Amino acid sequence: MALLEVDSLTKHFAAITAVDDATFEVRDGEILGLAGPNGAGKTVTFNCITGQLQPDAGTVTFRGEDITTYPPDATARAGIGRTFQEVRVYGDLTVRENLQFAAQDKGIGRMVASIVSGTAATEVEAGLAEQADGMLETVELDHLADEPASSLSYGQKKILSFAAALLTHPEPDLIMLDEPMAGVNPTMINRLAEFVRTFRERGKTFLLVEHNMRLMTDLCDRMVVLDAGTPIASGPPEEIQENERVVEAYFGP
């Protein structure tokens, strides 16, 4: 069953068409890879799905709900979490505090209620700390829980961003990862890949952009390949590797 449906998505920047009539779906419980050479429109597609950009045409449907015009906060509330190419952590907060903030209900009603009721606020904080500590143990950062996030290595910050996306309130069903392994050493790449598999086994669905084709082949159930913003191939990784249009898009005729 399709969790996310992208239908005829199109995005222009002046005379440049970054995404051109893109149609694909993400099925519930799978790891789908969105691949393509530099400039293929992968991140623009991500941004149109999550509301950072508004498409010029087409629709985005999540769990049967049209979210095409949703801003990023509404997309997150609908159940989509994401990471970005650049690492986004709060360096002055501890590792645990970063995850507590991610898991926090940021609705104004909850915030007012917590301020009014000291007991409720304490219980909420305890619950957030428990969530954060459980996640830190799973992603093997628990030994760094009280360290400032700024002190982490680049790879550890990538893992922290991944964990924060998973803890986004409300709990997301779809996690969108934009080049989560870029610039990360092989050991960290393997760890991140295992964490993706672990959370897929726990019921999460992933949409992944990554240039490491070997990793995509090993990790993804299916792949969609974009070229100049248009899907040119879709299917199991082993089929994608043999697809002549894909080879031509990456290496030329």
C-alpha atoms as a PDB file:
ATOM      1  CA  MET A   1       0.000   0.000   0.000  1.00  0.00           C
ATOM      2  CA  ALA A   2       1.287   3.482  -0.853  1.00  0.00           C
ATOM      3  CA  LEU A   3       2.080   5.657   2.154  1.00  0.00           C
ATOM      4  CA  LEU A   4       3.232   8.614   0.044  1.00  0.00           C
ATOM      5  CA  GLU A   5       2.112   9.354  -3.522  1.00  0.00           C
ATOM      6  CA  VAL A   6       3.831  11.946  -5.690  1.00  0.00           C
ATOM      7  CA  ASP A   7       1.849  12.668  -8.859  1.00  0.00           C
ATOM      8  CA  SER A   8       3.088  14.823 -11.763  1.00  0.00           C
ATOM      9  CA  LEU A   9       5.191  16.984  -9.445  1.00  0.00           C
ATOM     10  CA  THR A  10       6.758  19.951 -11.254  1.00  0.00           C
ATOM     11  CA  LYS A  11       8.933  22.805  -9.991  1.00  0.00           C
ATOM     12  CA  HIS A  12      10.409  25.660 -12.035  1.00  0.00           C
ATOM     13  CA  PHE A  13      13.054  28.215 -11.110  1.00  0.00           C
ATOM     14  CA  ALA A  14      12.696  30.925 -13.741  1.00  0.00           C
ATOM     15  CA  ALA A  15      13.558  29.191 -17.049  1.00  0.00           C
ATOM     16  CA  ILE A  16      14.954  26.092 -15.326  1.00  0.00           C
ATOM     17  CA  THR A  17      12.730  23.081 -14.665  1.00  0.00           C
ATOM     18  CA  ALA A  18      14.181  21.376 -11.588  1.00  0.00           C
ATOM     19  CA  VAL A  19      11.451  18.735 -11.260  1.00  0.00           C
ATOM     20  CA  ASP A  20       9.511  17.730 -14.354  1.00  0.00           C
ATOM     21  CA  ASP A  21       6.285  15.721 -14.057  1.00  0.00           C
ATOM     22  CA  ALA A  22       7.702  13.386 -11.389  1.00  0.00           C
ATOM     23  CA  THR A  23       5.423  10.539 -10.364  1.00  0.00           C
ATOM     24  CA  PHE A  24       6.312   7.800  -7.871  1.00  0.00           C
ATOM     25  CA  GLU A  25       5.106   6.250  -4.626  1.00  0.00           C
ATOM     26  CA  VAL A  26       6.616   5.165  -1.333  1.00  0.00           C
ATOM     27  CA  ARG A  27       5.067   1.972  -0.015  1.00  0.00           C
ATOM     28  CA  ASP A  28       4.339   1.429   3.642  1.00  0.00           C
ATOM     29  CA  GLY A  29       7.258  -0.295   5.386  1.00  0.00           C
ATOM     30  CA  GLU A  30       9.841  -0.049   2.602  1.00  0.00           C
ATOM     31  CA  ILE A  31      13.153   1.708   2.096  1.00  0.00           C
ATOM     32  CA  LEU A  32      12.894   3.590  -1.196  1.00  0.00           C
ATOM     33  CA  GLY A  33      15.978   5.171  -2.719  1.00  0.00           C
ATOM     34  CA  LEU A  34      15.691   8.355  -4.780  1.00  0.00           C
ATOM     35  CA  ALA A  35      18.786   8.413  -6.994  1.00  0.00           C
ATOM     36  CA  GLY A  36      20.196  10.390  -9.876  1.00  0.00           C
ATOM     37  CA  PRO A  37      23.256  12.390 -10.928  1.00  0.00           C
ATOM     38  CA  ASN A  38      24.021  15.851  -9.518  1.00  0.00           C
ATOM     39  CA  GLY A  39      21.335  18.319 -10.496  1.00  0.00           C
ATOM     40  CA  ALA A  40      18.734  15.623 -11.095  1.00  0.00           C
ATOM     41  CA  GLY A  41      16.209  17.326  -8.802  1.00  0.00           C
ATOM     42  CA  LYS A  42      16.346  14.990  -5.807  1.00  0.00           C
ATOM     43  CA  THR A  43      16.583  17.598  -3.044  1.00  0.00           C
ATOM     44  CA  VAL A  44      14.098  19.888  -4.790  1.00  0.00           C
ATOM     45  CA  THR A  45      11.684  16.943  -4.848  1.00  0.00           C
ATOM     46  CA  PHE A  46      12.286  16.422  -1.123  1.00  0.00           C
ATOM     47  CA  ASN A  47      11.647  20.100  -0.437  1.00  0.00           C
ATOM     48  CA  CYS A  48       8.417  20.079  -2.433  1.00  0.00           C
ATOM     49  CA  ILE A  49       7.181  17.051  -0.503  1.00  0.00           C
ATOM     50  CA  THR A  50       7.980  18.547   2.921  1.00  0.00           C
ATOM     51  CA  GLY A  51       6.815  22.096   2.230  1.00  0.00           C
ATOM     52  CA  GLN A  52      10.113  23.963   2.066  1.00  0.00           C
ATOM     53  CA  LEU A  53       9.127  24.676  -1.548  1.00  0.00           C
ATOM     54  CA  GLN A  54       5.700  24.867  -3.160  1.00  0.00           C
ATOM     55  CA  PRO A  55       5.437  22.923  -6.447  1.00  0.00           C
ATOM     56  CA  ASP A  56       4.171  24.649  -9.563  1.00  0.00           C
ATOM     57  CA  ALA A  57       2.085  21.623 -10.519  1.00  0.00           C
ATOM     58  CA  GLY A  58       1.244  18.145  -9.294  1.00  0.00           C
ATOM     59  CA  THR A  59       0.132  16.722  -5.968  1.00  0.00           C
ATOM     60  CA  VAL A  60       1.631  15.104  -2.892  1.00  0.00           C
ATOM     61  CA  THR A  61      -0.614  12.725  -0.971  1.00  0.00           C
ATOM     62  CA  PHE A  62       0.319  11.213   2.396  1.00  0.00           C
ATOM     63  CA  ARG A  63      -1.842   8.508   3.976  1.00  0.00           C
ATOM     64  CA  GLY A  64      -4.623   9.543   1.589  1.00  0.00           C
ATOM     65  CA  GLU A  65      -4.420  13.229   2.574  1.00  0.00           C
ATOM     66  CA  ASP A  66      -3.472  15.929   0.066  1.00  0.00           C
ATOM     67  CA  ILE A  67      -0.522  17.745   1.673  1.00  0.00           C
ATOM     68  CA  THR A  68       0.681  19.552  -1.463  1.00  0.00           C
ATOM     69  CA  THR A  69       0.265  23.047  -0.023  1.00  0.00           C
ATOM     70  CA  TYR A  70       1.235  22.221   3.568  1.00  0.00           C
ATOM     71  CA  PRO A  71       4.044  24.271   5.113  1.00  0.00           C
ATOM     72  CA  PRO A  72       6.872  22.329   6.815  1.00  0.00           C
ATOM     73  CA  ASP A  73       5.320  22.363  10.296  1.00  0.00           C
ATOM     74  CA  ALA A  74       2.034  20.949   9.008  1.00  0.00           C
ATOM     75  CA  THR A  75       3.893  18.302   7.027  1.00  0.00           C
ATOM     76  CA  ALA A  76       5.715  17.264  10.195  1.00  0.00           C
ATOM     77  CA  ARG A  77       2.434  17.108  12.130  1.00  0.00           C
ATOM     78  CA  ALA A  78       1.009  14.905   9.370  1.00  0.00           C
ATOM     79  CA  GLY A  79       3.696  12.325  10.152  1.00  0.00           C
ATOM     80  CA  ILE A  80       6.768  13.050   8.014  1.00  0.00           C
ATOM     81  CA  GLY A  81      10.204  13.538   9.560  1.00  0.00           C
ATOM     82  CA  ARG A  82      13.307  14.498   7.615  1.00  0.00           C
ATOM     83  CA  THR A  83      16.989  15.303   7.713  1.00  0.00           C
ATOM     84  CA  PHE A  84      18.870  17.787   5.540  1.00  0.00           C
ATOM     85  CA  GLN A  85      22.129  17.621   3.612  1.00  0.00           C
ATOM     86  CA  GLU A  86      23.701  20.056   6.044  1.00  0.00           C
ATOM     87  CA  VAL A  87      23.883  18.889   9.655  1.00  0.00           C
ATOM     88  CA  ARG A  88      21.292  20.621  11.830  1.00  0.00           C
ATOM     89  CA  VAL A  89      21.924  20.221  15.548  1.00  0.00           C
ATOM     90  CA  TYR A  90      21.766  22.680  18.431  1.00  0.00           C
ATOM     91  CA  GLY A  91      25.419  22.925  19.344  1.00  0.00           C
ATOM     92  CA  ASP A  92      24.885  24.682  22.686  1.00  0.00           C
ATOM     93  CA  LEU A  93      22.483  21.990  23.882  1.00  0.00           C
ATOM     94  CA  THR A  94      23.596  18.592  25.086  1.00  0.00           C
ATOM     95  CA  VAL A  95      23.056  15.528  22.947  1.00  0.00           C
ATOM     96  CA  ARG A  96      20.168  14.481  25.191  1.00  0.00           C
ATOM     97  CA  GLU A  97      18.623  17.958  25.100  1.00  0.00           C
ATOM     98  CA  ASN A  98      18.666  17.923  21.300  1.00  0.00           C
ATOM     99  CA  LEU A  99      16.511  14.810  21.318  1.00  0.00           C
ATOM    100  CA  GLN A 100      14.282  16.080  24.105  1.00  0.00           C
ATOM    101  CA  PHE A 101      13.559  19.153  22.004  1.00  0.00           C
ATOM    102  CA  ALA A 102      12.826  17.019  18.934  1.00  0.00           C
ATOM    103  CA  ALA A 103      10.362  14.901  20.917  1.00  0.00           C
ATOM    104  CA  GLN A 104       8.631  17.890  22.505  1.00  0.00           C
ATOM    105  CA  ASP A 105       5.044  18.725  21.627  1.00  0.00           C
ATOM    106  CA  LYS A 106       5.571  22.207  20.186  1.00  0.00           C
ATOM    107  CA  GLY A 107       1.882  23.067  19.957  1.00  0.00           C
ATOM    108  CA  ILE A 108       0.958  26.234  21.812  1.00  0.00           C
ATOM    109  CA  GLY A 109      -1.749  24.460  23.813  1.00  0.00           C
ATOM    110  CA  ARG A 110       0.699  21.960  25.282  1.00  0.00           C
ATOM    111  CA  MET A 111       3.225  24.692  26.059  1.00  0.00           C
ATOM    112  CA  VAL A 112       0.658  26.801  27.926  1.00  0.00           C
ATOM    113  CA  ALA A 113      -0.622  23.782  29.855  1.00  0.00           C
ATOM    114  CA  SER A 114       2.905  22.885  30.942  1.00  0.00           C
ATOM    115  CA  ILE A 115       3.569  26.417  32.165  1.00  0.00           C
ATOM    116  CA  VAL A 116       0.309  26.532  34.129  1.00  0.00           C
ATOM    117  CA  SER A 117       0.765  23.116  35.748  1.00  0.00           C
ATOM    118  CA  GLY A 118       4.179  22.580  37.292  1.00  0.00           C
ATOM    119  CA  THR A 119       3.454  18.935  38.042  1.00  0.00           C
ATOM    120  CA  ALA A 120       2.411  18.273  34.463  1.00  0.00           C
ATOM    121  CA  ALA A 121       5.536  20.003  33.199  1.00  0.00           C
ATOM    122  CA  THR A 122       7.748  17.813  35.378  1.00  0.00           C
ATOM    123  CA  GLU A 123       6.047  14.664  34.135  1.00  0.00           C
ATOM    124  CA  VAL A 124       6.417  15.809  30.534  1.00  0.00           C
ATOM    125  CA  GLU A 125      10.120  16.518  31.016  1.00  0.00           C
ATOM    126  CA  ALA A 126      10.641  13.095  32.579  1.00  0.00           C
ATOM    127  CA  GLY A 127       8.882  11.446  29.668  1.00  0.00           C
ATOM    128  CA  LEU A 128      10.981  13.368  27.129  1.00  0.00           C
ATOM    129  CA  ALA A 129      14.182  12.398  28.932  1.00  0.00           C
ATOM    130  CA  GLU A 130      13.116   8.748  28.873  1.00  0.00           C
ATOM    131  CA  GLN A 131      12.412   8.913  25.138  1.00  0.00           C
ATOM    132  CA  ALA A 132      15.722  10.617  24.466  1.00  0.00           C
ATOM    133  CA  ASP A 133      17.725   8.137  26.525  1.00  0.00           C
ATOM    134  CA  GLY A 134      16.072   5.177  24.838  1.00  0.00           C
ATOM    135  CA  MET A 135      16.902   6.576  21.406  1.00  0.00           C
ATOM    136  CA  LEU A 136      20.477   7.408  22.407  1.00  0.00           C
ATOM    137  CA  GLU A 137      21.016   3.824  23.521  1.00  0.00           C
ATOM    138  CA  THR A 138      19.655   2.506  20.225  1.00  0.00           C
ATOM    139  CA  VAL A 139      21.900   4.754  18.093  1.00  0.00           C
ATOM    140  CA  GLU A 140      24.881   4.163  20.403  1.00  0.00           C
ATOM    141  CA  LEU A 141      25.334   7.763  21.522  1.00  0.00           C
ATOM    142  CA  ASP A 142      24.260   7.217  25.142  1.00  0.00           C
ATOM    143  CA  HIS A 143      27.839   7.648  26.384  1.00  0.00           C
ATOM    144  CA  LEU A 144      27.747  11.192  24.980  1.00  0.00           C
ATOM    145  CA  ALA A 145      24.309  12.147  26.329  1.00  0.00           C
ATOM    146  CA  ASP A 146      25.562  14.996  28.539  1.00  0.00           C
ATOM    147  CA  GLU A 147      28.126  16.364  26.091  1.00  0.00           C
ATOM    148  CA  PRO A 148      27.372  19.500  24.047  1.00  0.00           C
ATOM    149  CA  ALA A 149      26.305  18.555  20.542  1.00  0.00           C
ATOM    150  CA  SER A 150      28.999  20.872  19.178  1.00  0.00           C
ATOM    151  CA  SER A 151      31.645  18.468  20.508  1.00  0.00           C
ATOM    152  CA  LEU A 152      30.466  15.547  18.358  1.00  0.00           C
ATOM    153  CA  SER A 153      32.290  14.422  15.258  1.00  0.00           C
ATOM    154  CA  TYR A 154      30.633  15.093  11.909  1.00  0.00           C
ATOM    155  CA  GLY A 155      29.453  11.486  11.661  1.00  0.00           C
ATOM    156  CA  GLN A 156      28.055  11.560  15.187  1.00  0.00           C
ATOM    157  CA  LYS A 157      26.162  14.748  14.350  1.00  0.00           C
ATOM    158  CA  LYS A 158      24.666  12.950  11.344  1.00  0.00           C
ATOM    159  CA  ILE A 159      23.501  10.157  13.642  1.00  0.00           C
ATOM    160  CA  LEU A 160      22.070  12.706  16.087  1.00  0.00           C
ATOM    161  CA  SER A 161      20.148  14.398  13.235  1.00  0.00           C
ATOM    162  CA  PHE A 162      18.834  10.981  12.193  1.00  0.00           C
ATOM    163  CA  ALA A 163      17.721  10.241  15.754  1.00  0.00           C
ATOM    164  CA  ALA A 164      16.053  13.648  16.075  1.00  0.00           C
ATOM    165  CA  ALA A 165      14.049  13.047  12.897  1.00  0.00           C
ATOM    166  CA  LEU A 166      12.792   9.769  14.328  1.00  0.00           C
ATOM    167  CA  LEU A 167      11.740  11.442  17.579  1.00  0.00           C
ATOM    168  CA  THR A 168       9.968  14.372  15.925  1.00  0.00           C
ATOM    169  CA  HIS A 169       6.603  14.998  17.580  1.00  0.00           C
ATOM    170  CA  PRO A 170       4.182  13.629  16.570  1.00  0.00           C
ATOM    171  CA  GLU A 171       6.018  10.380  15.868  1.00  0.00           C
ATOM    172  CA  PRO A 172       6.594  10.196  12.102  1.00  0.00           C
ATOM    173  CA  ASP A 173       5.658   7.240   9.927  1.00  0.00           C
ATOM    174  CA  LEU A 174       7.850   8.331   7.015  1.00  0.00           C
ATOM    175  CA  ILE A 175      11.473   9.393   7.490  1.00  0.00           C
ATOM    176  CA  MET A 176      13.087  11.272   4.604  1.00  0.00           C
ATOM    177  CA  LEU A 177      16.890  11.238   4.649  1.00  0.00           C
ATOM    178  CA  ASP A 178      18.735  13.661   2.359  1.00  0.00           C
ATOM    179  CA  GLU A 179      22.284  12.343   1.840  1.00  0.00           C
ATOM    180  CA  PRO A 180      22.645  11.077   5.430  1.00  0.00           C
ATOM    181  CA  MET A 181      25.950   9.324   4.700  1.00  0.00           C
ATOM    182  CA  ALA A 182      27.640  12.123   2.715  1.00  0.00           C
ATOM    183  CA  GLY A 183      31.039  13.050   4.160  1.00  0.00           C
ATOM    184  CA  VAL A 184      30.892  10.233   6.716  1.00  0.00           C
ATOM    185  CA  ASN A 185      33.619   7.629   7.195  1.00  0.00           C
ATOM    186  CA  PRO A 186      32.911   3.984   6.249  1.00  0.00           C
ATOM    187  CA  THR A 187      32.409   2.867   9.855  1.00  0.00           C
ATOM    188  CA  MET A 188      29.734   5.511  10.424  1.00  0.00           C
ATOM    189  CA  ILE A 189      28.139   4.712   7.070  1.00  0.00           C
ATOM    190  CA  ASN A 190      27.713   1.094   8.124  1.00  0.00           C
ATOM    191  CA  ARG A 191      26.287   2.145  11.492  1.00  0.00           C
ATOM    192  CA  LEU A 192      23.775   4.497   9.905  1.00  0.00           C
ATOM    193  CA  ALA A 193      22.716   1.827   7.438  1.00  0.00           C
ATOM    194  CA  GLU A 194      22.126  -0.617  10.290  1.00  0.00           C
ATOM    195  CA  PHE A 195      20.086   1.973  12.180  1.00  0.00           C
ATOM    196  CA  VAL A 196      17.883   2.461   9.111  1.00  0.00           C
ATOM    197  CA  ARG A 197      17.338  -1.294   8.924  1.00  0.00           C
ATOM    198  CA  THR A 198      16.606  -1.457  12.664  1.00  0.00           C
ATOM    199  CA  PHE A 199      13.904   1.172  12.509  1.00  0.00           C
ATOM    200  CA  ARG A 200      12.403  -0.261   9.357  1.00  0.00           C
ATOM    201  CA  GLU A 201      11.978  -3.491  11.319  1.00  0.00           C
ATOM    202  CA  ARG A 202      10.173  -1.406  13.949  1.00  0.00           C
ATOM    203  CA  GLY A 203       7.652  -0.230  11.368  1.00  0.00           C
ATOM    204  CA  LYS A 204       9.190   2.926   9.912  1.00  0.00           C
ATOM    205  CA  THR A 205       9.222   3.762   6.213  1.00  0.00           C
ATOM    206  CA  PHE A 206      12.200   5.529   4.612  1.00  0.00           C
ATOM    207  CA  LEU A 207      12.727   7.686   1.540  1.00  0.00           C
ATOM    208  CA  LEU A 208      16.464   8.061   1.005  1.00  0.00           C
ATOM    209  CA  VAL A 209      18.578  10.305  -1.220  1.00  0.00           C
ATOM    210  CA  GLU A 210      22.182   9.168  -1.431  1.00  0.00           C
ATOM    211  CA  HIS A 211      24.970   9.297  -4.017  1.00  0.00           C
ATOM    212  CA  ASN A 212      26.616   6.124  -2.741  1.00  0.00           C
ATOM    213  CA  MET A 213      25.097   3.688  -5.232  1.00  0.00           C
ATOM    214  CA  ARG A 214      26.658   0.630  -3.635  1.00  0.00           C
ATOM    215  CA  LEU A 215      25.010   1.570  -0.351  1.00  0.00           C
ATOM    216  CA  MET A 216      21.691   2.253  -2.072  1.00  0.00           C
ATOM    217  CA  THR A 217      21.843  -1.133  -3.769  1.00  0.00           C
ATOM    218  CA  ASP A 218      22.488  -2.901  -0.462  1.00  0.00           C
ATOM    219  CA  LEU A 219      20.006  -0.924   1.613  1.00  0.00           C
ATOM    220  CA  CYS A 220      16.979  -0.125  -0.543  1.00  0.00           C
ATOM    221  CA  ASP A 221      14.054  -2.363  -1.448  1.00  0.00           C
ATOM    222  CA  ARG A 222      13.330  -0.269  -4.543  1.00  0.00           C
ATOM    223  CA  MET A 223      14.864   2.717  -6.287  1.00  0.00           C
ATOM    224  CA  VAL A 224      13.517   5.583  -8.380  1.00  0.00           C
ATOM    225  CA  VAL A 225      16.061   7.343 -10.589  1.00  0.00           C
ATOM    226  CA  LEU A 226      15.661  10.961 -11.660  1.00  0.00           C
ATOM    227  CA  ASP A 227      17.382  12.631 -14.579  1.00  0.00           C
ATOM    228  CA  ALA A 228      16.786  16.351 -15.195  1.00  0.00           C
ATOM    229  CA  GLY A 229      13.912  16.147 -12.728  1.00  0.00           C
ATOM    230  CA  THR A 230      12.102  13.311 -14.497  1.00  0.00           C
ATOM    231  CA  PRO A 231      11.875   9.700 -13.294  1.00  0.00           C
ATOM    232  CA  ILE A 232      13.603   7.479 -15.864  1.00  0.00           C
ATOM    233  CA  ALA A 233      13.595   4.155 -14.014  1.00  0.00           C
ATOM    234  CA  SER A 234      11.945   2.446 -11.075  1.00  0.00           C
ATOM    235  CA  GLY A 235      12.374  -0.998  -9.592  1.00  0.00           C
ATOM    236  CA  PRO A 236      14.598  -3.292  -7.510  1.00  0.00           C
ATOM    237  CA  PRO A 237      18.226  -2.144  -7.210  1.00  0.00           C
ATOM    238  CA  GLU A 238      19.562  -5.052  -9.263  1.00  0.00           C
ATOM    239  CA  GLU A 239      17.359  -3.993 -12.188  1.00  0.00           C
ATOM    240  CA  ILE A 240      18.327  -0.338 -11.823  1.00  0.00           C
ATOM    241  CA  GLN A 241      22.011  -1.216 -12.084  1.00  0.00           C
ATOM    242  CA  GLU A 242      21.441  -2.823 -15.471  1.00  0.00           C
ATOM    243  CA  ASN A 243      19.145  -0.132 -16.846  1.00  0.00           C
ATOM    244  CA  GLU A 244      20.700   1.510 -19.914  1.00  0.00           C
ATOM    245  CA  ARG A 245      19.011   4.873 -19.342  1.00  0.00           C
ATOM    246  CA  VAL A 246      20.362   4.995 -15.795  1.00  0.00           C
ATOM    247  CA  VAL A 247      23.891   4.133 -16.911  1.00  0.00           C
ATOM    248  CA  GLU A 248      23.685   6.824 -19.597  1.00  0.00           C
ATOM    249  CA  ALA A 249      22.388   9.414 -17.111  1.00  0.00           C
ATOM    250  CA  TYR A 250      25.332   8.804 -14.789  1.00  0.00           C
ATOM    251  CA  PHE A 251      28.123   8.213 -17.276  1.00  0.00           C
ATOM    252  CA  GLY A 252      26.909   9.650 -20.583  1.00  0.00           C
ATOM    253  CA  PRO A 253      26.207   7.878 -23.902  1.00  0.00           C
END
